Structures are given as structure tokens and as C-alpha cells.
Amino acid sequence: MSHTLGQYMKFLQNNRKTDSAIRFLTHKLPYISVFSPFLYIFGRWKPKMSENIELWAEKTEKENELMLERAEKARIKELNLKRLQFFTNISHEFRTPLTLIQGPVNRLLRRVDLSEEVQTYLLLIKNNTDRLLRLVNQFLDFRKVEVDKLKL
């Protein structure tokens, strides 16, 4: 029965009992007894090598987990920035029509020939547009604080 050196090495790696591996090798092939000291030393180093491999695997696994956590944090940060940019754009879109409504309402309120009922409705429109503009401006100020453009 012919055995290759690769098969012997594989047997050695799979077998934790080095002495029995050396006995197996020397029994199957008498001329391999020349390599017995090497195999014996290799077998004694094997536990240290497996410990080192296990430590390396644990270290690599922890590094991979850390890298995944960092990638997840970066993704969340990017998502938050995009969300904030979206709301900023929406705020600008609200601001423009509100200022376009506010101008004519202020002009109409300055007129004296309007009835009291119309003035009440115009004042209601003015108060609500002012309120909405104030909210939009507060949000835009918040956005400026977020990107460090505005100091408190």
C-alpha cells in the first residue's frame, strides 16, 4: 500500500496524539524513521501552532467585527446626512411659497377700505404664514448648527 507524504502530513495534522502518528509512520514505512525526530519535534510544536492559529483566527474575527461596526456607523451617519439634506430642501420649498403669500397679504392688510371680516381672515392668514415661516427658519437654523455654520 503506497502512501504519499501529503497523506502522512494530513494524518499528522488531524491526529492530536503525535507519538501515535510517529509510530504509524515508522510502522508503515521503515525508512521514514530517519524523519522521526523531525516529526516528533513537529508534533511537539503542533499545540503551540494550533494555539497561535486559534489566536490569529480570534483576532481576525474581532477585527472583522470592528470593521463591520465601523462600516455600519458610517452608513448610518451618511443616511442621517441625506435625511437632513432632504428636510432642508423641503424646508426651502415651503419657505418660498410662504414668503410669496405673506407679501400680498401684508399689502392687503394695509388697505383701509376692507371690511372687518376680510381683515380678520387676512390677519389669520398672516399669523399662520408667520408661524410656518418661523418653524421653517428654526429648522434651517438647526441645520446650520448641525453643519457647524452657525454658532449658538
Protein backbone atom coordinates (compact mmCIF):
# COMPACT_ATOMS: atom_id res chain seq x y z
CA MET A 1 0.00 0.00 0.00
CA SER A 2 1.53 3.29 -1.12
CA HIS A 3 1.17 6.44 0.99
CA THR A 4 2.22 9.91 -0.06
CA LEU A 5 3.93 12.40 2.21
CA GLY A 6 0.85 14.65 1.90
CA GLN A 7 -1.30 11.90 3.36
CA TYR A 8 1.10 11.48 6.26
CA MET A 9 1.15 15.22 6.92
CA LYS A 10 -2.63 15.33 6.76
CA PHE A 11 -2.79 12.44 9.21
CA LEU A 12 -0.36 14.31 11.45
CA GLN A 13 -2.45 17.46 11.35
CA ASN A 14 -5.67 15.61 12.10
CA ASN A 15 -4.22 13.47 14.86
CA ARG A 16 -3.56 15.22 18.17
CA LYS A 17 -1.52 12.31 19.53
CA THR A 18 1.88 12.88 17.93
CA ASP A 19 3.52 9.78 19.36
CA SER A 20 0.92 7.52 17.75
CA ALA A 21 1.41 9.41 14.47
CA ILE A 22 5.13 8.76 14.60
CA ARG A 23 4.51 5.09 15.41
CA PHE A 24 2.06 4.93 12.49
CA LEU A 25 4.59 6.46 10.12
CA THR A 26 7.52 4.36 11.26
CA HIS A 27 5.43 1.20 11.20
CA LYS A 28 4.12 1.75 7.64
CA LEU A 29 7.43 2.87 6.18
CA PRO A 30 10.56 1.73 7.92
CA TYR A 31 12.74 4.22 6.02
CA ILE A 32 10.73 7.15 7.37
CA SER A 33 12.30 6.54 10.79
CA VAL A 34 15.04 8.92 9.64
CA PHE A 35 12.42 11.66 9.75
CA SER A 36 11.09 10.58 13.12
CA PRO A 37 12.96 13.25 15.11
CA PHE A 38 11.59 15.94 12.81
CA LEU A 39 8.10 14.54 13.12
CA TYR A 40 8.48 14.33 16.88
CA ILE A 41 9.58 17.98 17.08
CA PHE A 42 6.82 19.00 14.67
CA GLY A 43 4.34 17.13 16.82
CA ARG A 44 5.53 18.89 19.99
CA TRP A 45 5.21 22.28 18.29
CA LYS A 46 1.80 21.45 16.93
CA PRO A 47 -0.14 22.50 20.07
CA LYS A 48 1.61 25.89 20.05
CA MET A 49 0.91 26.26 16.35
CA SER A 50 -2.77 25.44 16.83
CA GLU A 51 -2.98 27.92 19.73
CA ASN A 52 -1.38 30.58 17.54
CA ILE A 53 -3.79 29.78 14.73
CA GLU A 54 -6.73 30.00 17.12
CA LEU A 55 -5.48 33.32 18.48
CA TRP A 56 -4.98 34.61 14.95
CA ALA A 57 -8.49 33.47 13.99
CA GLU A 58 -9.99 35.20 17.05
CA LYS A 59 -8.04 38.37 16.33
CA THR A 60 -9.10 38.33 12.69
CA GLU A 61 -12.72 37.74 13.68
CA LYS A 62 -12.64 40.67 16.13
CA GLU A 63 -11.03 42.90 13.50
CA ASN A 64 -13.73 41.92 11.01
CA GLU A 65 -16.47 42.65 13.55
CA LEU A 66 -14.91 46.02 14.31
CA MET A 67 -14.66 46.80 10.61
CA LEU A 68 -18.34 45.87 10.14
CA GLU A 69 -19.33 48.08 13.08
CA ARG A 70 -17.39 50.99 11.61
CA ALA A 71 -19.00 50.46 8.21
CA GLU A 72 -22.45 50.35 9.83
CA LYS A 73 -21.76 53.58 11.74
CA ALA A 74 -20.55 55.26 8.54
CA ARG A 75 -23.67 54.07 6.71
CA ILE A 76 -25.94 55.40 9.49
CA LYS A 77 -24.09 58.72 9.51
CA GLU A 78 -24.42 59.03 5.74
CA LEU A 79 -28.12 58.14 5.95
CA ASN A 80 -28.68 60.83 8.61
CA LEU A 81 -26.90 63.42 6.48
CA LYS A 82 -29.05 62.53 3.47
CA ARG A 83 -32.19 62.71 5.60
CA LEU A 84 -31.18 66.11 6.94
CA GLN A 85 -30.40 67.34 3.41
CA PHE A 86 -33.82 66.15 2.25
CA PHE A 87 -35.60 68.04 5.04
CA THR A 88 -33.52 71.11 4.30
CA ASN A 89 -34.59 71.00 0.67
CA ILE A 90 -38.23 70.55 1.69
CA SER A 91 -37.93 73.49 4.10
CA HIS A 92 -36.68 75.72 1.31
CA GLU A 93 -39.57 74.57 -0.84
CA PHE A 94 -42.03 75.59 1.91
CA ARG A 95 -40.30 78.86 2.59
CA THR A 96 -40.61 80.23 -0.95
CA PRO A 97 -44.41 79.97 -1.30
CA LEU A 98 -44.92 81.21 2.27
CA THR A 99 -43.00 84.39 1.56
CA LEU A 100 -44.93 84.79 -1.70
CA ILE A 101 -48.19 84.53 0.26
CA GLN A 102 -47.00 86.82 3.02
CA GLY A 103 -46.18 89.76 0.75
CA PRO A 104 -49.63 90.27 -0.83
CA VAL A 105 -51.38 89.59 2.50
CA ASN A 106 -49.35 92.37 4.17
CA ARG A 107 -50.22 94.74 1.31
CA LEU A 108 -53.92 93.91 1.59
CA LEU A 109 -53.87 94.45 5.37
CA ARG A 110 -52.56 98.00 4.88
CA ARG A 111 -55.63 98.90 2.88
CA VAL A 112 -58.33 100.71 4.84
CA ASP A 113 -61.29 100.04 2.58
CA LEU A 114 -61.58 96.34 3.59
CA SER A 115 -64.41 95.05 5.72
CA GLU A 116 -63.71 93.82 9.22
CA GLU A 117 -64.46 90.21 8.22
CA VAL A 118 -61.90 90.27 5.36
CA GLN A 119 -59.33 91.89 7.65
CA THR A 120 -59.91 89.10 10.19
CA TYR A 121 -59.29 86.42 7.55
CA LEU A 122 -56.23 88.22 6.22
CA LEU A 123 -54.87 88.58 9.75
CA LEU A 124 -55.44 84.84 10.27
CA ILE A 125 -53.53 84.10 7.04
CA LYS A 126 -50.71 86.45 8.08
CA ASN A 127 -50.39 84.92 11.56
CA ASN A 128 -50.29 81.37 10.21
CA THR A 129 -47.79 82.17 7.45
CA ASP A 130 -45.60 83.94 10.03
CA ARG A 131 -45.83 80.89 12.27
CA LEU A 132 -44.94 78.48 9.47
CA LEU A 133 -42.05 80.69 8.34
CA ARG A 134 -40.76 80.83 11.90
CA LEU A 135 -40.81 76.99 12.09
CA VAL A 136 -39.07 76.65 8.74
CA ASN A 137 -36.42 79.18 9.78
CA GLN A 138 -35.87 77.34 13.05
CA PHE A 139 -35.35 74.11 11.15
CA LEU A 140 -32.91 75.80 8.79
CA ASP A 141 -31.04 77.23 11.79
CA PHE A 142 -30.91 73.73 13.27
CA ARG A 143 -29.43 72.50 10.00
CA LYS A 144 -26.78 75.24 10.13
CA VAL A 145 -25.88 74.21 13.67
CA GLU A 146 -25.59 70.60 12.52
CA VAL A 147 -23.03 71.51 9.85
CA ASP A 148 -21.25 73.98 12.18
CA LYS A 149 -22.09 77.06 10.14
CA LEU A 150 -23.99 78.85 12.88
CA LYS A 151 -22.66 79.46 16.37
CA LEU A 152 -25.05 79.49 19.31
